[in-house]
Amino acid sequence: TPLREALASLIAEGAIKHQPRRGNFVRPLT
């Protein structure tokens, strides 16, 4: 539960991207 809450905040920040039916992935540094 706290992990998923943390991942949601990181998705909002742009550090992680969510892909439907695939999961969460670390966004590359660009």
Full PDB file with SEQRES, HELIX, SHEET, SSBOND, CRYST1, ORIGX, SCALE, CONECT and MASTER records, all heavy atoms in Angstrom:
SEQRES   1 A   30  THR PRO LEU ARG GLU ALA LEU ALA SER LEU ILE ALA GLU          
SEQRES   2 A   30  GLY ALA ILE LYS HIS GLN PRO ARG ARG GLY ASN PHE VAL          
SEQRES   3 A   30  ARG PRO LEU THR                                              
HELIX    1 AA1 PRO A    2  GLU A   13  1                                  12    
SHEET    1 AA1 2 ILE A  16  GLN A  19  0                                        
SHEET    2 AA1 2 GLY A  23  VAL A  26 -1                                        
CRYST1    1.000    1.000    1.000  90.00  90.00  90.00 P 1           1          
ORIGX1      1.000000  0.000000  0.000000        0.00000                         
ORIGX2      0.000000  1.000000  0.000000        0.00000                         
ORIGX3      0.000000  0.000000  1.000000        0.00000                         
SCALE1      1.000000  0.000000  0.000000        0.00000                         
SCALE2      0.000000  1.000000  0.000000        0.00000                         
SCALE3      0.000000  0.000000  1.000000        0.00000                         
ATOM      1  N   THR A   1       0.816  -1.225   0.000  1.00  0.00           N  
ATOM      2  CA  THR A   1       0.000   0.000   0.000  1.00  0.00           C  
ATOM      3  C   THR A   1       0.847   1.271   0.000  1.00  0.00           C  
ATOM      4  O   THR A   1       0.674   2.127  -0.883  1.00  0.00           O  
ATOM      5  CB  THR A   1      -0.985   0.004   1.181  1.00  0.00           C  
ATOM      6  OG1 THR A   1      -1.880  -1.092   1.044  1.00  0.00           O  
ATOM      7  CG2 THR A   1      -1.778   1.307   1.210  1.00  0.00           C  
ATOM      8  N   PRO A   2       1.778   1.479   0.953  1.00  0.00           N  
ATOM      9  CA  PRO A   2       2.601   2.691   0.897  1.00  0.00           C  
ATOM     10  C   PRO A   2       3.499   2.712  -0.331  1.00  0.00           C  
ATOM     11  O   PRO A   2       3.815   3.800  -0.853  1.00  0.00           O  
ATOM     12  CB  PRO A   2       3.416   2.638   2.188  1.00  0.00           C  
ATOM     13  CG  PRO A   2       3.380   1.211   2.613  1.00  0.00           C  
ATOM     14  CD  PRO A   2       2.054   0.687   2.162  1.00  0.00           C  
ATOM     15  N   LEU A   3       3.906   1.544  -0.817  1.00  0.00           N  
ATOM     16  CA  LEU A   3       4.725   1.516  -2.030  1.00  0.00           C  
ATOM     17  C   LEU A   3       3.932   2.048  -3.216  1.00  0.00           C  
ATOM     18  O   LEU A   3       4.438   2.865  -3.994  1.00  0.00           O  
ATOM     19  CB  LEU A   3       5.203   0.089  -2.303  1.00  0.00           C  
ATOM     20  CG  LEU A   3       5.997  -0.104  -3.607  1.00  0.00           C  
ATOM     21  CD1 LEU A   3       7.260   0.754  -3.602  1.00  0.00           C  
ATOM     22  CD2 LEU A   3       6.345  -1.568  -3.807  1.00  0.00           C  
ATOM     23  N   ARG A   4       2.698   1.610  -3.352  1.00  0.00           N  
ATOM     24  CA  ARG A   4       1.878   2.081  -4.462  1.00  0.00           C  
ATOM     25  C   ARG A   4       1.569   3.567  -4.347  1.00  0.00           C  
ATOM     26  O   ARG A   4       1.508   4.273  -5.356  1.00  0.00           O  
ATOM     27  CB  ARG A   4       0.589   1.256  -4.526  1.00  0.00           C  
ATOM     28  CG  ARG A   4       0.823  -0.154  -5.055  1.00  0.00           C  
ATOM     29  CD  ARG A   4      -0.399  -1.018  -4.983  1.00  0.00           C  
ATOM     30  NE  ARG A   4      -0.171  -2.317  -5.609  1.00  0.00           N  
ATOM     31  CZ  ARG A   4      -0.986  -3.351  -5.521  1.00  0.00           C  
ATOM     32  NH1 ARG A   4      -2.104  -3.238  -4.818  1.00  0.00           N  
ATOM     33  NH2 ARG A   4      -0.700  -4.482  -6.122  1.00  0.00           N  
ATOM     34  N   GLU A   5       1.365   4.052  -3.117  1.00  0.00           N  
ATOM     35  CA  GLU A   5       1.159   5.491  -2.916  1.00  0.00           C  
ATOM     36  C   GLU A   5       2.401   6.269  -3.348  1.00  0.00           C  
ATOM     37  O   GLU A   5       2.311   7.330  -3.981  1.00  0.00           O  
ATOM     38  CB  GLU A   5       0.834   5.774  -1.457  1.00  0.00           C  
ATOM     39  CG  GLU A   5      -0.524   5.255  -1.014  1.00  0.00           C  
ATOM     40  CD  GLU A   5      -0.736   5.394   0.480  1.00  0.00           C  
ATOM     41  OE1 GLU A   5       0.228   5.758   1.198  1.00  0.00           O  
ATOM     42  OE2 GLU A   5      -1.864   5.133   0.952  1.00  0.00           O  
ATOM     43  N   ALA A   6       3.571   5.733  -3.002  1.00  0.00           N  
ATOM     44  CA  ALA A   6       4.829   6.380  -3.382  1.00  0.00           C  
ATOM     45  C   ALA A   6       5.010   6.375  -4.892  1.00  0.00           C  
ATOM     46  O   ALA A   6       5.416   7.393  -5.491  1.00  0.00           O  
ATOM     47  CB  ALA A   6       6.008   5.666  -2.718  1.00  0.00           C  
ATOM     48  N   LEU A   7       4.704   5.264  -5.521  1.00  0.00           N  
ATOM     49  CA  LEU A   7       4.837   5.175  -6.974  1.00  0.00           C  
ATOM     50  C   LEU A   7       3.896   6.156  -7.671  1.00  0.00           C  
ATOM     51  O   LEU A   7       4.260   6.762  -8.682  1.00  0.00           O  
ATOM     52  CB  LEU A   7       4.561   3.750  -7.443  1.00  0.00           C  
ATOM     53  CG  LEU A   7       5.606   2.696  -7.044  1.00  0.00           C  
ATOM     54  CD1 LEU A   7       5.127   1.294  -7.442  1.00  0.00           C  
ATOM     55  CD2 LEU A   7       6.966   3.004  -7.671  1.00  0.00           C  
ATOM     56  N   ALA A   8       2.696   6.332  -7.113  1.00  0.00           N  
ATOM     57  CA  ALA A   8       1.748   7.286  -7.702  1.00  0.00           C  
ATOM     58  C   ALA A   8       2.318   8.704  -7.666  1.00  0.00           C  
ATOM     59  O   ALA A   8       2.178   9.461  -8.635  1.00  0.00           O  
ATOM     60  CB  ALA A   8       0.414   7.222  -6.954  1.00  0.00           C  
ATOM     61  N   SER A   9       2.958   9.061  -6.558  1.00  0.00           N  
ATOM     62  CA  SER A   9       3.540  10.407  -6.463  1.00  0.00           C  
ATOM     63  C   SER A   9       4.720  10.559  -7.420  1.00  0.00           C  
ATOM     64  O   SER A   9       4.919  11.627  -8.011  1.00  0.00           O  
ATOM     65  CB  SER A   9       3.978  10.704  -5.025  1.00  0.00           C  
ATOM     66  OG  SER A   9       5.071   9.898  -4.636  1.00  0.00           O  
ATOM     67  N   LEU A  10       5.479   9.497  -7.622  1.00  0.00           N  
ATOM     68  CA  LEU A  10       6.623   9.549  -8.535  1.00  0.00           C  
ATOM     69  C   LEU A  10       6.168   9.591  -9.991  1.00  0.00           C  
ATOM     70  O   LEU A  10       6.838  10.206 -10.836  1.00  0.00           O  
ATOM     71  CB  LEU A  10       7.538   8.345  -8.294  1.00  0.00           C  
ATOM     72  CG  LEU A  10       8.254   8.346  -6.945  1.00  0.00           C  
ATOM     73  CD1 LEU A  10       8.928   6.997  -6.698  1.00  0.00           C  
ATOM     74  CD2 LEU A  10       9.274   9.468  -6.862  1.00  0.00           C  
ATOM     75  N   ILE A  11       5.038   8.976 -10.287  1.00  0.00           N  
ATOM     76  CA  ILE A  11       4.464   9.090 -11.625  1.00  0.00           C  
ATOM     77  C   ILE A  11       4.058  10.537 -11.885  1.00  0.00           C  
ATOM     78  O   ILE A  11       4.297  11.089 -12.964  1.00  0.00           O  
ATOM     79  CB  ILE A  11       3.257   8.141 -11.776  1.00  0.00           C  
ATOM     80  CG1 ILE A  11       3.737   6.684 -11.801  1.00  0.00           C  
ATOM     81  CG2 ILE A  11       2.480   8.451 -13.055  1.00  0.00           C  
ATOM     82  CD1 ILE A  11       2.612   5.672 -11.681  1.00  0.00           C  
ATOM     83  N   ALA A  12       3.437  11.158 -10.872  1.00  0.00           N  
ATOM     84  CA  ALA A  12       3.029  12.562 -11.007  1.00  0.00           C  
ATOM     85  C   ALA A  12       4.230  13.474 -11.213  1.00  0.00           C  
ATOM     86  O   ALA A  12       4.157  14.473 -11.943  1.00  0.00           O  
ATOM     87  CB  ALA A  12       2.238  12.997  -9.774  1.00  0.00           C  
ATOM     88  N   GLU A  13       5.359  13.137 -10.582  1.00  0.00           N  
ATOM     89  CA  GLU A  13       6.576  13.935 -10.728  1.00  0.00           C  
ATOM     90  C   GLU A  13       7.253  13.721 -12.075  1.00  0.00           C  
ATOM     91  O   GLU A  13       8.047  14.548 -12.509  1.00  0.00           O  
ATOM     92  CB  GLU A  13       7.586  13.567  -9.630  1.00  0.00           C  
ATOM     93  CG  GLU A  13       7.182  13.995  -8.256  1.00  0.00           C  
ATOM     94  CD  GLU A  13       8.122  13.453  -7.202  1.00  0.00           C  
ATOM     95  OE1 GLU A  13       9.183  12.898  -7.571  1.00  0.00           O  
ATOM     96  OE2 GLU A  13       7.796  13.570  -6.014  1.00  0.00           O  
ATOM     97  N   GLY A  14       6.984  12.596 -12.710  1.00  0.00           N  
ATOM     98  CA  GLY A  14       7.625  12.300 -13.979  1.00  0.00           C  
ATOM     99  C   GLY A  14       8.836  11.399 -13.881  1.00  0.00           C  
ATOM    100  O   GLY A  14       9.499  11.140 -14.888  1.00  0.00           O  
ATOM    101  N   ALA A  15       9.147  10.900 -12.679  1.00  0.00           N  
ATOM    102  CA  ALA A  15      10.302  10.018 -12.525  1.00  0.00           C  
ATOM    103  C   ALA A  15       9.992   8.593 -12.972  1.00  0.00           C  
ATOM    104  O   ALA A  15      10.902   7.844 -13.341  1.00  0.00           O  
ATOM    105  CB  ALA A  15      10.773  10.006 -11.073  1.00  0.00           C  
ATOM    106  N   ILE A  16       8.712   8.249 -12.925  1.00  0.00           N  
ATOM    107  CA  ILE A  16       8.272   6.908 -13.308  1.00  0.00           C  
ATOM    108  C   ILE A  16       7.099   7.062 -14.270  1.00  0.00           C  
ATOM    109  O   ILE A  16       6.299   7.996 -14.149  1.00  0.00           O  
ATOM    110  CB  ILE A  16       7.862   6.094 -12.064  1.00  0.00           C  
ATOM    111  CG1 ILE A  16       9.105   5.737 -11.239  1.00  0.00           C  
ATOM    112  CG2 ILE A  16       7.102   4.827 -12.439  1.00  0.00           C  
ATOM    113  CD1 ILE A  16       8.791   5.070  -9.923  1.00  0.00           C  
ATOM    114  N   LYS A  17       7.005   6.177 -15.244  1.00  0.00           N  
ATOM    115  CA  LYS A  17       5.879   6.201 -16.172  1.00  0.00           C  
ATOM    116  C   LYS A  17       5.080   4.913 -16.029  1.00  0.00           C  
ATOM    117  O   LYS A  17       5.628   3.835 -15.818  1.00  0.00           O  
ATOM    118  CB  LYS A  17       6.369   6.357 -17.611  1.00  0.00           C  
ATOM    119  CG  LYS A  17       7.337   5.288 -18.077  1.00  0.00           C  
ATOM    120  CD  LYS A  17       7.849   5.585 -19.479  1.00  0.00           C  
ATOM    121  CE  LYS A  17       8.913   4.550 -19.911  1.00  0.00           C  
ATOM    122  NZ  LYS A  17       9.463   4.849 -21.232  1.00  0.00           N  
ATOM    123  N   HIS A  18       3.748   5.048 -16.124  1.00  0.00           N  
ATOM    124  CA  HIS A  18       2.867   3.887 -16.027  1.00  0.00           C  
ATOM    125  C   HIS A  18       2.401   3.492 -17.416  1.00  0.00           C  
ATOM    126  O   HIS A  18       1.935   4.326 -18.193  1.00  0.00           O  
ATOM    127  CB  HIS A  18       1.657   4.194 -15.160  1.00  0.00           C  
ATOM    128  CG  HIS A  18       0.684   3.065 -15.091  1.00  0.00           C  
ATOM    129  ND1 HIS A  18       0.950   1.907 -14.381  1.00  0.00           N  
ATOM    130  CD2 HIS A  18      -0.541   2.888 -15.674  1.00  0.00           C  
ATOM    131  CE1 HIS A  18      -0.069   1.081 -14.517  1.00  0.00           C  
ATOM    132  NE2 HIS A  18      -0.983   1.646 -15.288  1.00  0.00           N  
ATOM    133  N   GLN A  19       2.538   2.222 -17.730  1.00  0.00           N  
ATOM    134  CA  GLN A  19       2.059   1.696 -18.997  1.00  0.00           C  
ATOM    135  C   GLN A  19       0.927   0.707 -18.699  1.00  0.00           C  
ATOM    136  O   GLN A  19       1.147  -0.307 -18.016  1.00  0.00           O  
ATOM    137  CB  GLN A  19       3.187   1.004 -19.756  1.00  0.00           C  
ATOM    138  CG  GLN A  19       4.315   1.949 -20.154  1.00  0.00           C  
ATOM    139  CD  GLN A  19       5.383   1.272 -20.987  1.00  0.00           C  
ATOM    140  OE1 GLN A  19       5.211   0.131 -21.424  1.00  0.00           O  
ATOM    141  NE2 GLN A  19       6.480   1.976 -21.227  1.00  0.00           N  
ATOM    142  N   PRO A  20      -0.281   0.997 -19.164  1.00  0.00           N  
ATOM    143  CA  PRO A  20      -1.430   0.117 -18.885  1.00  0.00           C  
ATOM    144  C   PRO A  20      -1.143  -1.339 -19.260  1.00  0.00           C  
ATOM    145  O   PRO A  20      -0.577  -1.620 -20.315  1.00  0.00           O  
ATOM    146  CB  PRO A  20      -2.536   0.719 -19.776  1.00  0.00           C  
ATOM    147  CG  PRO A  20      -2.154   2.154 -19.917  1.00  0.00           C  
ATOM    148  CD  PRO A  20      -0.646   2.166 -19.981  1.00  0.00           C  
ATOM    149  N   ARG A  21      -1.528  -2.215 -18.366  1.00  0.00           N  
ATOM    150  CA  ARG A  21      -1.384  -3.662 -18.520  1.00  0.00           C  
ATOM    151  C   ARG A  21       0.072  -4.139 -18.534  1.00  0.00           C  
ATOM    152  O   ARG A  21       0.336  -5.328 -18.670  1.00  0.00           O  
ATOM    153  CB  ARG A  21      -2.107  -4.167 -19.777  1.00  0.00           C  
ATOM    154  CG  ARG A  21      -3.620  -3.957 -19.740  1.00  0.00           C  
ATOM    155  CD  ARG A  21      -4.287  -4.514 -20.963  1.00  0.00           C  
ATOM    156  NE  ARG A  21      -3.850  -3.851 -22.179  1.00  0.00           N  
ATOM    157  CZ  ARG A  21      -4.317  -2.681 -22.604  1.00  0.00           C  
ATOM    158  NH1 ARG A  21      -5.272  -2.049 -21.911  1.00  0.00           N  
ATOM    159  NH2 ARG A  21      -3.890  -2.139 -23.708  1.00  0.00           N  
ATOM    160  N   ARG A  22       1.002  -3.223 -18.378  1.00  0.00           N  
ATOM    161  CA  ARG A  22       2.415  -3.612 -18.344  1.00  0.00           C  
ATOM    162  C   ARG A  22       3.076  -3.282 -17.013  1.00  0.00           C  
ATOM    163  O   ARG A  22       3.954  -3.994 -16.555  1.00  0.00           O  
ATOM    164  CB  ARG A  22       3.192  -2.931 -19.480  1.00  0.00           C  
ATOM    165  CG  ARG A  22       2.830  -3.423 -20.874  1.00  0.00           C  
ATOM    166  CD  ARG A  22       3.852  -2.958 -21.868  1.00  0.00           C  
ATOM    167  NE  ARG A  22       5.166  -3.519 -21.570  1.00  0.00           N  
ATOM    168  CZ  ARG A  22       6.317  -2.959 -21.956  1.00  0.00           C  
ATOM    169  NH1 ARG A  22       6.324  -1.824 -22.618  1.00  0.00           N  
ATOM    170  NH2 ARG A  22       7.464  -3.524 -21.645  1.00  0.00           N  
ATOM    171  N   GLY A  23       2.672  -2.173 -16.394  1.00  0.00           N  
ATOM    172  CA  GLY A  23       3.245  -1.815 -15.100  1.00  0.00           C  
ATOM    173  C   GLY A  23       3.938  -0.469 -15.108  1.00  0.00           C  
ATOM    174  O   GLY A  23       3.715   0.371 -15.995  1.00  0.00           O  
ATOM    175  N   ASN A  24       4.786  -0.258 -14.107  1.00  0.00           N  
ATOM    176  CA  ASN A  24       5.507   1.002 -13.933  1.00  0.00           C  
ATOM    177  C   ASN A  24       6.970   0.838 -14.317  1.00  0.00           C  
ATOM    178  O   ASN A  24       7.599  -0.163 -13.978  1.00  0.00           O  
ATOM    179  CB  ASN A  24       5.404   1.471 -12.474  1.00  0.00           C  
ATOM    180  CG  ASN A  24       3.973   1.748 -12.066  1.00  0.00           C  
ATOM    181  OD1 ASN A  24       3.218   2.376 -12.800  1.00  0.00           O  
ATOM    182  ND2 ASN A  24       3.579   1.272 -10.892  1.00  0.00           N  
ATOM    183  N   PHE A  25       7.499   1.853 -15.004  1.00  0.00           N  
ATOM    184  CA  PHE A  25       8.867   1.806 -15.511  1.00  0.00           C  
ATOM    185  C   PHE A  25       9.605   3.096 -15.149  1.00  0.00           C  
ATOM    186  O   PHE A  25       9.012   4.178 -15.109  1.00  0.00           O  
ATOM    187  CB  PHE A  25       8.874   1.631 -17.035  1.00  0.00           C  
ATOM    188  CG  PHE A  25       8.313   0.315 -17.491  1.00  0.00           C  
ATOM    189  CD1 PHE A  25       6.941   0.115 -17.566  1.00  0.00           C  
ATOM    190  CD2 PHE A  25       9.160  -0.732 -17.841  1.00  0.00           C  
ATOM    191  CE1 PHE A  25       6.404  -1.107 -17.989  1.00  0.00           C  
ATOM    192  CE2 PHE A  25       8.639  -1.952 -18.258  1.00  0.00           C  
ATOM    193  CZ  PHE A  25       7.261  -2.133 -18.332  1.00  0.00           C  
ATOM    194  N   VAL A  26      10.904   2.963 -14.912  1.00  0.00           N  
ATOM    195  CA  VAL A  26      11.747   4.127 -14.616  1.00  0.00           C  
ATOM    196  C   VAL A  26      11.942   4.936 -15.893  1.00  0.00           C  
ATOM    197  O   VAL A  26      12.351   4.388 -16.927  1.00  0.00           O  
ATOM    198  CB  VAL A  26      13.115   3.687 -14.068  1.00  0.00           C  
ATOM    199  CG1 VAL A  26      14.014   4.904 -13.847  1.00  0.00           C  
ATOM    200  CG2 VAL A  26      12.942   2.907 -12.759  1.00  0.00           C  
ATOM    201  N   ARG A  27      11.622   6.208 -15.833  1.00  0.00           N  
ATOM    202  CA  ARG A  27      11.819   7.061 -17.011  1.00  0.00           C  
ATOM    203  C   ARG A  27      13.303   7.344 -17.197  1.00  0.00           C  
ATOM    204  O   ARG A  27      14.015   7.650 -16.235  1.00  0.00           O  
ATOM    205  CB  ARG A  27      11.066   8.374 -16.864  1.00  0.00           C  
ATOM    206  CG  ARG A  27       9.557   8.233 -16.930  1.00  0.00           C  
ATOM    207  CD  ARG A  27       8.890   9.587 -17.025  1.00  0.00           C  
ATOM    208  NE  ARG A  27       9.288  10.257 -18.252  1.00  0.00           N  
ATOM    209  CZ  ARG A  27       9.202  11.575 -18.439  1.00  0.00           C  
ATOM    210  NH1 ARG A  27       8.779  12.351 -17.465  1.00  0.00           N  
ATOM    211  NH2 ARG A  27       9.564  12.116 -19.579  1.00  0.00           N  
ATOM    212  N   PRO A  28      13.785   7.275 -18.430  1.00  0.00           N  
ATOM    213  CA  PRO A  28      15.203   7.538 -18.670  1.00  0.00           C  
ATOM    214  C   PRO A  28      15.539   9.011 -18.471  1.00  0.00           C  
ATOM    215  O   PRO A  28      14.682   9.888 -18.598  1.00  0.00           O  
ATOM    216  CB  PRO A  28      15.404   7.119 -20.128  1.00  0.00           C  
ATOM    217  CG  PRO A  28      14.049   7.251 -20.745  1.00  0.00           C  
ATOM    218  CD  PRO A  28      13.069   6.897 -19.657  1.00  0.00           C  
ATOM    219  N   LEU A  29      16.791   9.265 -18.156  1.00  0.00           N  
ATOM    220  CA  LEU A  29      17.293  10.631 -18.056  1.00  0.00           C  
ATOM    221  C   LEU A  29      17.555  11.138 -19.475  1.00  0.00           C  
ATOM    222  O   LEU A  29      18.239  10.485 -20.257  1.00  0.00           O  
ATOM    223  CB  LEU A  29      18.594  10.642 -17.251  1.00  0.00           C  
ATOM    224  CG  LEU A  29      18.482  10.147 -15.812  1.00  0.00           C  
ATOM    225  CD1 LEU A  29      19.826   9.652 -15.315  1.00  0.00           C  
ATOM    226  CD2 LEU A  29      17.971  11.251 -14.914  1.00  0.00           C  
ATOM    227  N   THR A  30      17.007  12.294 -19.815  1.00  0.00           N  
ATOM    228  CA  THR A  30      17.177  12.817 -21.166  1.00  0.00           C  
ATOM    229  C   THR A  30      17.567  14.291 -21.148  1.00  0.00           C  
ATOM    230  O   THR A  30      17.223  15.030 -20.225  1.00  0.00           O  
ATOM    231  CB  THR A  30      15.886  12.681 -21.993  1.00  0.00           C  
ATOM    232  OG1 THR A  30      14.877  13.554 -21.446  1.00  0.00           O  
ATOM    233  CG2 THR A  30      15.378  11.240 -21.988  1.00  0.00           C  
TER     234      THR A  30                                                      
MASTER        0    0    0    1    2    0    0    6  233    1    0    3          
END                                                                             
